[in-house]
Amino acid sequence: MRQRVLLAGIAVAFGVLFVTAHHAWAADEAIPVGLLAGETFDACASGQIVCPARAPICDDPKVAVPADVNGGLGFKGVGPGETLCSAASSVGPRRIFRITVR
């Protein structure tokens, strides 16, 4: 009986480690966002970044630009294309968004 409990405990510990490692790896990837020209994405309301966010930047301002959305951070689609945008979270690392505007 004790052996089963020990094995179950080890299995749970490995499961927790796997989930934690997988989540940390996924945080390094760009978050895909699809927009139409003129449409905005509310990054704070999406739950992908902890607000208040600061220092937003976009690689190609002809595709997307940072925007104020309901008092929080957002990104607005300007023209067709794809670009990377990011912002500093109030806790943790910068979050990167892959913005595709159609």
N, C-alpha and C. Protein backbone atom coordinates (compact mmCIF):
# COMPACT_ATOMS: atom_id res chain seq x y z
N MET A 1 0.82 -1.19 0.00
CA MET A 1 0.00 0.00 0.00
C MET A 1 0.87 1.26 0.00
N ARG A 2 1.90 1.27 0.84
CA ARG A 2 2.79 2.43 0.91
C ARG A 2 3.51 2.65 -0.42
N GLN A 3 3.82 1.56 -1.09
CA GLN A 3 4.52 1.67 -2.36
C GLN A 3 3.62 2.35 -3.41
N ARG A 4 2.34 2.05 -3.41
CA ARG A 4 1.40 2.68 -4.35
C ARG A 4 1.26 4.17 -4.06
N VAL A 5 1.20 4.52 -2.79
CA VAL A 5 1.09 5.93 -2.41
C VAL A 5 2.35 6.68 -2.84
N LEU A 6 3.50 6.07 -2.62
CA LEU A 6 4.76 6.69 -3.02
C LEU A 6 4.81 6.88 -4.54
N LEU A 7 4.44 5.86 -5.29
CA LEU A 7 4.44 5.98 -6.75
C LEU A 7 3.44 7.02 -7.23
N ALA A 8 2.28 7.09 -6.61
CA ALA A 8 1.29 8.10 -6.97
C ALA A 8 1.82 9.51 -6.69
N GLY A 9 2.50 9.69 -5.57
CA GLY A 9 3.09 10.98 -5.23
C GLY A 9 4.16 11.40 -6.22
N ILE A 10 4.98 10.44 -6.63
CA ILE A 10 6.01 10.74 -7.63
C ILE A 10 5.37 11.11 -8.97
N ALA A 11 4.34 10.40 -9.36
CA ALA A 11 3.65 10.70 -10.62
C ALA A 11 3.04 12.10 -10.59
N VAL A 12 2.45 12.48 -9.48
CA VAL A 12 1.87 13.82 -9.35
C VAL A 12 2.97 14.88 -9.43
N ALA A 13 4.09 14.65 -8.77
CA ALA A 13 5.20 15.61 -8.79
C ALA A 13 5.72 15.80 -10.22
N PHE A 14 5.89 14.72 -10.97
CA PHE A 14 6.34 14.84 -12.35
C PHE A 14 5.30 15.56 -13.21
N GLY A 15 4.03 15.29 -12.96
CA GLY A 15 2.97 15.98 -13.70
C GLY A 15 3.00 17.47 -13.48
N VAL A 16 3.17 17.90 -12.23
CA VAL A 16 3.26 19.33 -11.92
C VAL A 16 4.47 19.95 -12.58
N LEU A 17 5.61 19.28 -12.53
CA LEU A 17 6.82 19.81 -13.17
C LEU A 17 6.65 19.94 -14.68
N PHE A 18 6.00 18.96 -15.31
CA PHE A 18 5.77 19.01 -16.74
C PHE A 18 4.88 20.19 -17.12
N VAL A 19 3.79 20.37 -16.40
CA VAL A 19 2.86 21.47 -16.70
C VAL A 19 3.54 22.81 -16.49
N THR A 20 4.32 22.95 -15.44
CA THR A 20 5.03 24.20 -15.17
C THR A 20 6.06 24.49 -16.25
N ALA A 21 6.83 23.51 -16.64
CA ALA A 21 7.85 23.71 -17.68
C ALA A 21 7.19 24.03 -19.02
N HIS A 22 6.10 23.38 -19.35
CA HIS A 22 5.41 23.64 -20.61
C HIS A 22 4.85 25.06 -20.63
N HIS A 23 4.29 25.53 -19.53
CA HIS A 23 3.73 26.88 -19.44
C HIS A 23 4.84 27.92 -19.59
N ALA A 24 5.99 27.71 -18.96
CA ALA A 24 7.10 28.66 -19.06
C ALA A 24 7.62 28.74 -20.49
N TRP A 25 7.66 27.62 -21.20
CA TRP A 25 8.13 27.63 -22.58
C TRP A 25 7.15 28.39 -23.46
N ALA A 26 5.87 28.20 -23.26
CA ALA A 26 4.86 28.84 -24.09
C ALA A 26 4.84 30.35 -23.89
N ALA A 27 5.26 30.85 -22.75
CA ALA A 27 5.25 32.28 -22.48
C ALA A 27 6.26 33.03 -23.35
N ASP A 28 7.24 32.32 -23.93
CA ASP A 28 8.25 32.95 -24.78
C ASP A 28 7.77 33.15 -26.21
N GLU A 29 6.66 32.55 -26.58
CA GLU A 29 6.17 32.64 -27.95
C GLU A 29 5.29 33.88 -28.14
N ALA A 30 5.25 34.37 -29.38
CA ALA A 30 4.38 35.50 -29.70
C ALA A 30 2.92 35.05 -29.68
N ILE A 31 2.06 35.89 -29.15
CA ILE A 31 0.63 35.60 -29.08
C ILE A 31 0.00 36.07 -30.38
N PRO A 32 -0.63 35.18 -31.15
CA PRO A 32 -1.22 35.58 -32.43
C PRO A 32 -2.49 36.40 -32.24
N VAL A 33 -2.59 37.52 -32.98
CA VAL A 33 -3.76 38.39 -32.94
C VAL A 33 -4.12 38.77 -34.37
N GLY A 34 -5.36 38.51 -34.77
CA GLY A 34 -5.83 38.88 -36.09
C GLY A 34 -6.75 40.09 -36.01
N LEU A 35 -6.51 41.08 -36.85
CA LEU A 35 -7.30 42.32 -36.86
C LEU A 35 -7.66 42.71 -38.29
N LEU A 36 -8.66 43.54 -38.40
CA LEU A 36 -8.96 44.23 -39.64
C LEU A 36 -8.41 45.64 -39.52
N ALA A 37 -8.15 46.30 -40.63
CA ALA A 37 -7.66 47.69 -40.59
C ALA A 37 -8.70 48.54 -39.85
N GLY A 38 -8.23 49.32 -38.88
CA GLY A 38 -9.10 50.17 -38.08
C GLY A 38 -9.62 49.50 -36.82
N GLU A 39 -9.50 48.20 -36.71
CA GLU A 39 -9.96 47.46 -35.53
C GLU A 39 -8.89 47.50 -34.45
N THR A 40 -9.31 47.42 -33.17
CA THR A 40 -8.36 47.43 -32.06
C THR A 40 -8.45 46.14 -31.27
N PHE A 41 -7.34 45.79 -30.66
CA PHE A 41 -7.23 44.63 -29.78
C PHE A 41 -6.93 45.13 -28.39
N ASP A 42 -7.77 44.79 -27.42
CA ASP A 42 -7.59 45.22 -26.03
C ASP A 42 -6.71 44.19 -25.32
N ALA A 43 -5.43 44.49 -25.21
CA ALA A 43 -4.47 43.55 -24.63
C ALA A 43 -4.76 43.32 -23.14
N CYS A 44 -5.14 44.36 -22.43
CA CYS A 44 -5.42 44.22 -20.99
C CYS A 44 -6.63 43.33 -20.75
N ALA A 45 -7.69 43.53 -21.49
CA ALA A 45 -8.91 42.74 -21.31
C ALA A 45 -8.74 41.30 -21.78
N SER A 46 -7.76 41.05 -22.65
CA SER A 46 -7.55 39.69 -23.15
C SER A 46 -6.99 38.75 -22.09
N GLY A 47 -6.39 39.32 -21.05
CA GLY A 47 -5.77 38.50 -20.01
C GLY A 47 -4.39 38.00 -20.36
N GLN A 48 -3.85 38.44 -21.49
CA GLN A 48 -2.52 37.99 -21.93
C GLN A 48 -1.39 38.80 -21.30
N ILE A 49 -1.73 39.92 -20.67
CA ILE A 49 -0.73 40.79 -20.06
C ILE A 49 -1.33 41.36 -18.79
N VAL A 50 -0.48 41.55 -17.78
CA VAL A 50 -0.94 42.14 -16.52
C VAL A 50 -0.80 43.65 -16.64
N CYS A 51 -1.90 44.34 -16.49
CA CYS A 51 -1.91 45.79 -16.62
C CYS A 51 -1.84 46.47 -15.26
N PRO A 52 -1.33 47.66 -15.13
CA PRO A 52 -1.04 48.56 -16.25
C PRO A 52 0.24 48.17 -16.98
N ALA A 53 0.12 48.08 -18.29
CA ALA A 53 1.27 47.78 -19.15
C ALA A 53 1.92 49.10 -19.57
N ARG A 54 3.18 49.03 -19.94
CA ARG A 54 3.90 50.25 -20.32
C ARG A 54 4.87 49.96 -21.47
N ALA A 55 5.35 51.02 -22.06
CA ALA A 55 6.35 50.97 -23.12
C ALA A 55 5.96 50.08 -24.29
N PRO A 56 4.78 50.27 -24.88
CA PRO A 56 4.40 49.45 -26.03
C PRO A 56 5.16 49.88 -27.28
N ILE A 57 5.55 48.91 -28.09
CA ILE A 57 6.23 49.20 -29.36
C ILE A 57 5.75 48.21 -30.42
N CYS A 58 5.78 48.64 -31.67
CA CYS A 58 5.48 47.77 -32.80
C CYS A 58 6.59 47.91 -33.82
N ASP A 59 6.99 46.81 -34.43
CA ASP A 59 8.08 46.82 -35.41
C ASP A 59 7.71 47.61 -36.67
N ASP A 60 6.49 47.47 -37.15
CA ASP A 60 6.08 48.13 -38.38
C ASP A 60 4.82 48.97 -38.14
N PRO A 61 4.98 50.28 -37.95
CA PRO A 61 3.82 51.14 -37.68
C PRO A 61 2.86 51.28 -38.87
N LYS A 62 3.24 50.77 -40.05
CA LYS A 62 2.33 50.79 -41.19
C LYS A 62 1.30 49.66 -41.08
N VAL A 63 1.56 48.70 -40.16
CA VAL A 63 0.66 47.56 -39.98
C VAL A 63 -0.17 47.72 -38.69
N ALA A 64 0.49 48.04 -37.58
CA ALA A 64 -0.21 48.19 -36.30
C ALA A 64 0.52 49.21 -35.43
N VAL A 65 -0.24 49.86 -34.55
CA VAL A 65 0.32 50.85 -33.62
C VAL A 65 -0.30 50.64 -32.24
N PRO A 66 0.43 51.01 -31.17
CA PRO A 66 -0.16 50.95 -29.84
C PRO A 66 -1.33 51.93 -29.75
N ALA A 67 -2.33 51.57 -28.97
CA ALA A 67 -3.51 52.43 -28.83
C ALA A 67 -4.04 52.36 -27.41
N ASP A 68 -4.68 53.44 -26.98
CA ASP A 68 -5.35 53.48 -25.68
C ASP A 68 -6.76 52.91 -25.87
N VAL A 69 -7.05 51.82 -25.17
CA VAL A 69 -8.35 51.15 -25.30
C VAL A 69 -8.99 51.09 -23.91
N ASN A 70 -10.05 51.84 -23.72
CA ASN A 70 -10.77 51.85 -22.44
C ASN A 70 -9.83 52.09 -21.25
N GLY A 71 -8.89 52.98 -21.41
CA GLY A 71 -7.96 53.30 -20.34
C GLY A 71 -6.83 52.30 -20.18
N GLY A 72 -6.77 51.29 -21.03
CA GLY A 72 -5.71 50.28 -20.96
C GLY A 72 -4.95 50.22 -22.26
N LEU A 73 -4.07 49.27 -22.37
CA LEU A 73 -3.24 49.13 -23.56
C LEU A 73 -3.94 48.30 -24.62
N GLY A 74 -3.78 48.72 -25.85
CA GLY A 74 -4.29 47.96 -26.98
C GLY A 74 -3.42 48.19 -28.20
N PHE A 75 -3.74 47.50 -29.27
CA PHE A 75 -3.05 47.69 -30.54
C PHE A 75 -4.11 47.88 -31.61
N LYS A 76 -3.85 48.81 -32.53
CA LYS A 76 -4.80 49.13 -33.59
C LYS A 76 -4.21 48.73 -34.93
N GLY A 77 -5.01 48.02 -35.73
CA GLY A 77 -4.60 47.65 -37.07
C GLY A 77 -4.65 48.86 -37.98
N VAL A 78 -3.57 49.11 -38.71
CA VAL A 78 -3.48 50.28 -39.60
C VAL A 78 -3.62 49.86 -41.06
N GLY A 79 -2.82 48.91 -41.49
CA GLY A 79 -2.85 48.45 -42.88
C GLY A 79 -2.51 46.98 -42.97
N PRO A 80 -2.73 46.36 -44.12
CA PRO A 80 -2.49 44.92 -44.25
C PRO A 80 -1.03 44.55 -44.05
N GLY A 81 -0.85 43.39 -43.42
CA GLY A 81 0.49 42.87 -43.19
C GLY A 81 0.59 42.18 -41.84
N GLU A 82 1.83 41.89 -41.45
CA GLU A 82 2.09 41.22 -40.18
C GLU A 82 3.26 41.89 -39.50
N THR A 83 3.17 42.10 -38.21
CA THR A 83 4.25 42.71 -37.45
C THR A 83 4.25 42.19 -36.03
N LEU A 84 5.35 42.38 -35.33
CA LEU A 84 5.43 42.04 -33.92
C LEU A 84 5.27 43.31 -33.10
N CYS A 85 4.46 43.24 -32.07
CA CYS A 85 4.29 44.32 -31.11
C CYS A 85 4.54 43.74 -29.72
N SER A 86 5.00 44.57 -28.81
CA SER A 86 5.21 44.09 -27.45
C SER A 86 4.96 45.21 -26.46
N ALA A 87 4.81 44.82 -25.20
CA ALA A 87 4.62 45.78 -24.12
C ALA A 87 5.16 45.15 -22.84
N ALA A 88 5.64 46.02 -21.95
CA ALA A 88 6.13 45.55 -20.66
C ALA A 88 4.95 45.35 -19.73
N SER A 89 4.89 44.18 -19.14
CA SER A 89 3.84 43.87 -18.18
C SER A 89 4.19 44.52 -16.84
N SER A 90 3.19 44.77 -16.01
CA SER A 90 3.48 45.34 -14.70
C SER A 90 4.21 44.32 -13.82
N VAL A 91 4.08 43.04 -14.15
CA VAL A 91 4.85 41.98 -13.49
C VAL A 91 5.31 41.00 -14.56
N GLY A 92 6.53 40.55 -14.44
CA GLY A 92 7.03 39.58 -15.40
C GLY A 92 7.63 40.22 -16.64
N PRO A 93 7.96 39.38 -17.62
CA PRO A 93 8.64 39.86 -18.83
C PRO A 93 7.68 40.55 -19.81
N ARG A 94 8.27 41.17 -20.83
CA ARG A 94 7.47 41.76 -21.92
C ARG A 94 6.66 40.68 -22.59
N ARG A 95 5.48 41.02 -23.04
CA ARG A 95 4.64 40.09 -23.80
C ARG A 95 4.71 40.48 -25.26
N ILE A 96 4.87 39.51 -26.12
CA ILE A 96 5.02 39.75 -27.56
C ILE A 96 3.75 39.28 -28.27
N PHE A 97 3.24 40.13 -29.14
CA PHE A 97 2.04 39.82 -29.92
C PHE A 97 2.39 39.84 -31.40
N ARG A 98 1.98 38.79 -32.13
CA ARG A 98 2.15 38.75 -33.58
C ARG A 98 0.82 39.25 -34.17
N ILE A 99 0.83 40.50 -34.64
CA ILE A 99 -0.38 41.15 -35.14
C ILE A 99 -0.47 40.94 -36.65
N THR A 100 -1.57 40.36 -37.12
CA THR A 100 -1.82 40.18 -38.54
C THR A 100 -3.04 41.00 -38.89
N VAL A 101 -2.85 41.95 -39.80
CA VAL A 101 -3.95 42.83 -40.22
C VAL A 101 -4.32 42.46 -41.64
N ARG A 102 -5.62 42.27 -41.87
CA ARG A 102 -6.12 41.92 -43.20
C ARG A 102 -6.83 43.09 -43.81
